Amino acid sequence: MLAGFLGVAGIAHFLVPETFNALVPEWLPGNTSFYTYTSGLAEILIAVFLLKPTTRSRAAWAAVVLFIAVYPGNLYMAYDWRDREISQQLVAYGRLPFQIPLIWWAVRIARNS
């Protein structure tokens, strides 16, 4: 399941990069597309390695690292969307706690593999 989630999310980075570019904090150096494509590629690779029993544990730990690494983007989105409509603010703020179960899920896979 986590592999499917990451695979779809990773592919989405390449299909609609502008959506993910908007999440990249302005204070990061370089082009926002670099971060979008790099994180998308990481998600796809982690998804593939989650499917193999011999690499599942390491891939799950990589997912934990990835989820933590992209969290500043979620914080940035919540800050950046603070003046938007309440429905959009709820989406931005709703993403913040969502990382916790994703991290927990990946840790559980890593420990059980």
C-alpha atoms as a PDB file:
ATOM      1  CA  MET A   1       0.000   0.000   0.000  1.00  0.00           C
ATOM      2  CA  LEU A   2       2.732   2.464   0.938  1.00  0.00           C
ATOM      3  CA  ALA A   3       4.526   1.577  -2.283  1.00  0.00           C
ATOM      4  CA  GLY A   4       1.402   2.412  -4.268  1.00  0.00           C
ATOM      5  CA  PHE A   5       0.897   5.679  -2.417  1.00  0.00           C
ATOM      6  CA  LEU A   6       4.501   6.738  -3.005  1.00  0.00           C
ATOM      7  CA  GLY A   7       4.491   5.572  -6.608  1.00  0.00           C
ATOM      8  CA  VAL A   8       1.372   7.566  -7.485  1.00  0.00           C
ATOM      9  CA  ALA A   9       2.658  10.626  -5.616  1.00  0.00           C
ATOM     10  CA  GLY A  10       6.032  10.360  -7.335  1.00  0.00           C
ATOM     11  CA  ILE A  11       4.491  10.122 -10.794  1.00  0.00           C
ATOM     12  CA  ALA A  12       2.273  13.116  -9.984  1.00  0.00           C
ATOM     13  CA  HIS A  13       5.436  15.185  -9.429  1.00  0.00           C
ATOM     14  CA  PHE A  14       6.221  14.705 -13.121  1.00  0.00           C
ATOM     15  CA  LEU A  15       2.668  15.056 -14.436  1.00  0.00           C
ATOM     16  CA  VAL A  16       1.738  18.250 -12.553  1.00  0.00           C
ATOM     17  CA  PRO A  17       5.044  19.715 -11.346  1.00  0.00           C
ATOM     18  CA  GLU A  18       3.606  23.213 -10.866  1.00  0.00           C
ATOM     19  CA  THR A  19       1.462  21.882  -8.006  1.00  0.00           C
ATOM     20  CA  PHE A  20       4.550  20.639  -6.186  1.00  0.00           C
ATOM     21  CA  ASN A  21       6.732  23.620  -7.150  1.00  0.00           C
ATOM     22  CA  ALA A  22       4.327  25.781  -5.160  1.00  0.00           C
ATOM     23  CA  LEU A  23       5.223  23.796  -2.018  1.00  0.00           C
ATOM     24  CA  VAL A  24       8.952  24.437  -2.275  1.00  0.00           C
ATOM     25  CA  PRO A  25       9.981  27.053   0.302  1.00  0.00           C
ATOM     26  CA  GLU A  26      11.377  30.238  -1.235  1.00  0.00           C
ATOM     27  CA  TRP A  27      14.423  30.128   1.021  1.00  0.00           C
ATOM     28  CA  LEU A  28      15.763  26.965  -0.648  1.00  0.00           C
ATOM     29  CA  PRO A  29      18.482  27.748  -3.184  1.00  0.00           C
ATOM     30  CA  GLY A  30      18.106  26.938  -6.849  1.00  0.00           C
ATOM     31  CA  ASN A  31      15.207  26.097  -9.087  1.00  0.00           C
ATOM     32  CA  THR A  32      11.995  24.831  -7.468  1.00  0.00           C
ATOM     33  CA  SER A  33      11.634  22.198 -10.202  1.00  0.00           C
ATOM     34  CA  PHE A  34      14.860  20.563  -9.017  1.00  0.00           C
ATOM     35  CA  TYR A  35      13.243  19.819  -5.648  1.00  0.00           C
ATOM     36  CA  THR A  36       9.982  18.712  -7.233  1.00  0.00           C
ATOM     37  CA  TYR A  37      11.617  16.264  -9.613  1.00  0.00           C
ATOM     38  CA  THR A  38      14.149  15.016  -7.066  1.00  0.00           C
ATOM     39  CA  SER A  39      11.476  14.256  -4.474  1.00  0.00           C
ATOM     40  CA  GLY A  40       9.265  12.681  -7.140  1.00  0.00           C
ATOM     41  CA  LEU A  41      12.095  10.442  -8.301  1.00  0.00           C
ATOM     42  CA  ALA A  42      12.878   9.525  -4.688  1.00  0.00           C
ATOM     43  CA  GLU A  43       9.244   8.561  -4.121  1.00  0.00           C
ATOM     44  CA  ILE A  44       9.203   6.374  -7.223  1.00  0.00           C
ATOM     45  CA  LEU A  45      12.482   4.647  -6.314  1.00  0.00           C
ATOM     46  CA  ILE A  46      11.392   4.058  -2.732  1.00  0.00           C
ATOM     47  CA  ALA A  47       8.096   2.630  -4.014  1.00  0.00           C
ATOM     48  CA  VAL A  48       9.941   0.175  -6.260  1.00  0.00           C
ATOM     49  CA  PHE A  49      12.305  -0.918  -3.487  1.00  0.00           C
ATOM     50  CA  LEU A  50       9.407  -1.348  -1.051  1.00  0.00           C
ATOM     51  CA  LEU A  51       8.085  -4.054  -3.351  1.00  0.00           C
ATOM     52  CA  LYS A  52      11.203  -6.225  -2.983  1.00  0.00           C
ATOM     53  CA  PRO A  53      11.451  -8.145   0.307  1.00  0.00           C
ATOM     54  CA  THR A  54      15.255  -7.858   0.293  1.00  0.00           C
ATOM     55  CA  THR A  55      15.186  -4.048   0.108  1.00  0.00           C
ATOM     56  CA  ARG A  56      11.882  -3.334   1.876  1.00  0.00           C
ATOM     57  CA  SER A  57      13.334  -2.401   5.270  1.00  0.00           C
ATOM     58  CA  ARG A  58      15.900   0.028   3.880  1.00  0.00           C
ATOM     59  CA  ALA A  59      13.321   1.519   1.529  1.00  0.00           C
ATOM     60  CA  ALA A  60      10.914   2.040   4.425  1.00  0.00           C
ATOM     61  CA  TRP A  61      13.634   3.864   6.407  1.00  0.00           C
ATOM     62  CA  ALA A  62      14.290   5.958   3.293  1.00  0.00           C
ATOM     63  CA  ALA A  63      10.575   6.786   3.228  1.00  0.00           C
ATOM     64  CA  VAL A  64      10.828   7.983   6.845  1.00  0.00           C
ATOM     65  CA  VAL A  65      13.700  10.266   5.884  1.00  0.00           C
ATOM     66  CA  LEU A  66      11.791  11.513   2.838  1.00  0.00           C
ATOM     67  CA  PHE A  67       8.638  12.261   4.828  1.00  0.00           C
ATOM     68  CA  ILE A  68      10.689  14.263   7.317  1.00  0.00           C
ATOM     69  CA  ALA A  69      12.622  16.022   4.535  1.00  0.00           C
ATOM     70  CA  VAL A  70       9.499  17.242   2.735  1.00  0.00           C
ATOM     71  CA  TYR A  71       7.776  18.415   5.917  1.00  0.00           C
ATOM     72  CA  PRO A  72       9.157  21.978   5.562  1.00  0.00           C
ATOM     73  CA  GLY A  73       7.209  22.153   2.297  1.00  0.00           C
ATOM     74  CA  ASN A  74       4.008  21.390   4.187  1.00  0.00           C
ATOM     75  CA  LEU A  75       4.840  24.032   6.786  1.00  0.00           C
ATOM     76  CA  TYR A  76       5.583  26.518   4.021  1.00  0.00           C
ATOM     77  CA  MET A  77       2.276  25.718   2.338  1.00  0.00           C
ATOM     78  CA  ALA A  78       0.363  26.278   5.585  1.00  0.00           C
ATOM     79  CA  TYR A  79       2.115  29.628   6.062  1.00  0.00           C
ATOM     80  CA  ASP A  80       1.813  30.684   2.428  1.00  0.00           C
ATOM     81  CA  TRP A  81      -1.907  29.852   2.284  1.00  0.00           C
ATOM     82  CA  ARG A  82      -2.775  31.692   5.507  1.00  0.00           C
ATOM     83  CA  ASP A  83      -4.688  34.408   3.609  1.00  0.00           C
ATOM     84  CA  ARG A  84      -6.597  32.120   1.248  1.00  0.00           C
ATOM     85  CA  GLU A  85     -10.164  30.887   1.561  1.00  0.00           C
ATOM     86  CA  ILE A  86     -10.864  28.811   4.660  1.00  0.00           C
ATOM     87  CA  SER A  87     -11.346  25.651   2.563  1.00  0.00           C
ATOM     88  CA  GLN A  88      -7.835  26.015   1.129  1.00  0.00           C
ATOM     89  CA  GLN A  89      -6.398  26.802   4.556  1.00  0.00           C
ATOM     90  CA  LEU A  90      -7.961  23.597   5.889  1.00  0.00           C
ATOM     91  CA  VAL A  91      -6.236  21.625   3.137  1.00  0.00           C
ATOM     92  CA  ALA A  92      -2.884  23.226   3.962  1.00  0.00           C
ATOM     93  CA  TYR A  93      -3.271  22.741   7.711  1.00  0.00           C
ATOM     94  CA  GLY A  94      -4.661  19.244   7.236  1.00  0.00           C
ATOM     95  CA  ARG A  95      -1.450  18.166   5.538  1.00  0.00           C
ATOM     96  CA  LEU A  96       0.615  18.916   8.640  1.00  0.00           C
ATOM     97  CA  PRO A  97      -0.571  16.054  10.879  1.00  0.00           C
ATOM     98  CA  PHE A  98      -0.848  13.689   7.892  1.00  0.00           C
ATOM     99  CA  GLN A  99       2.934  13.199   7.905  1.00  0.00           C
ATOM    100  CA  ILE A 100       2.792  11.557  11.335  1.00  0.00           C
ATOM    101  CA  PRO A 101       0.829   8.458  10.260  1.00  0.00           C
ATOM    102  CA  LEU A 102       2.949   8.216   7.111  1.00  0.00           C
ATOM    103  CA  ILE A 103       6.120   8.164   9.184  1.00  0.00           C
ATOM    104  CA  TRP A 104       4.587   5.663  11.611  1.00  0.00           C
ATOM    105  CA  TRP A 105       3.500   3.452   8.679  1.00  0.00           C
ATOM    106  CA  ALA A 106       6.993   3.455   7.177  1.00  0.00           C
ATOM    107  CA  VAL A 107       8.640   2.733  10.546  1.00  0.00           C
ATOM    108  CA  ARG A 108       6.289  -0.210  11.055  1.00  0.00           C
ATOM    109  CA  ILE A 109       7.179  -1.617   7.639  1.00  0.00           C
ATOM    110  CA  ALA A 110      10.899  -1.148   8.301  1.00  0.00           C
ATOM    111  CA  ARG A 111      10.730  -2.938  11.653  1.00  0.00           C
ATOM    112  CA  ASN A 112       8.604  -5.803  10.343  1.00  0.00           C
ATOM    113  CA  SER A 113      10.722  -6.461   7.244  1.00  0.00           C
END
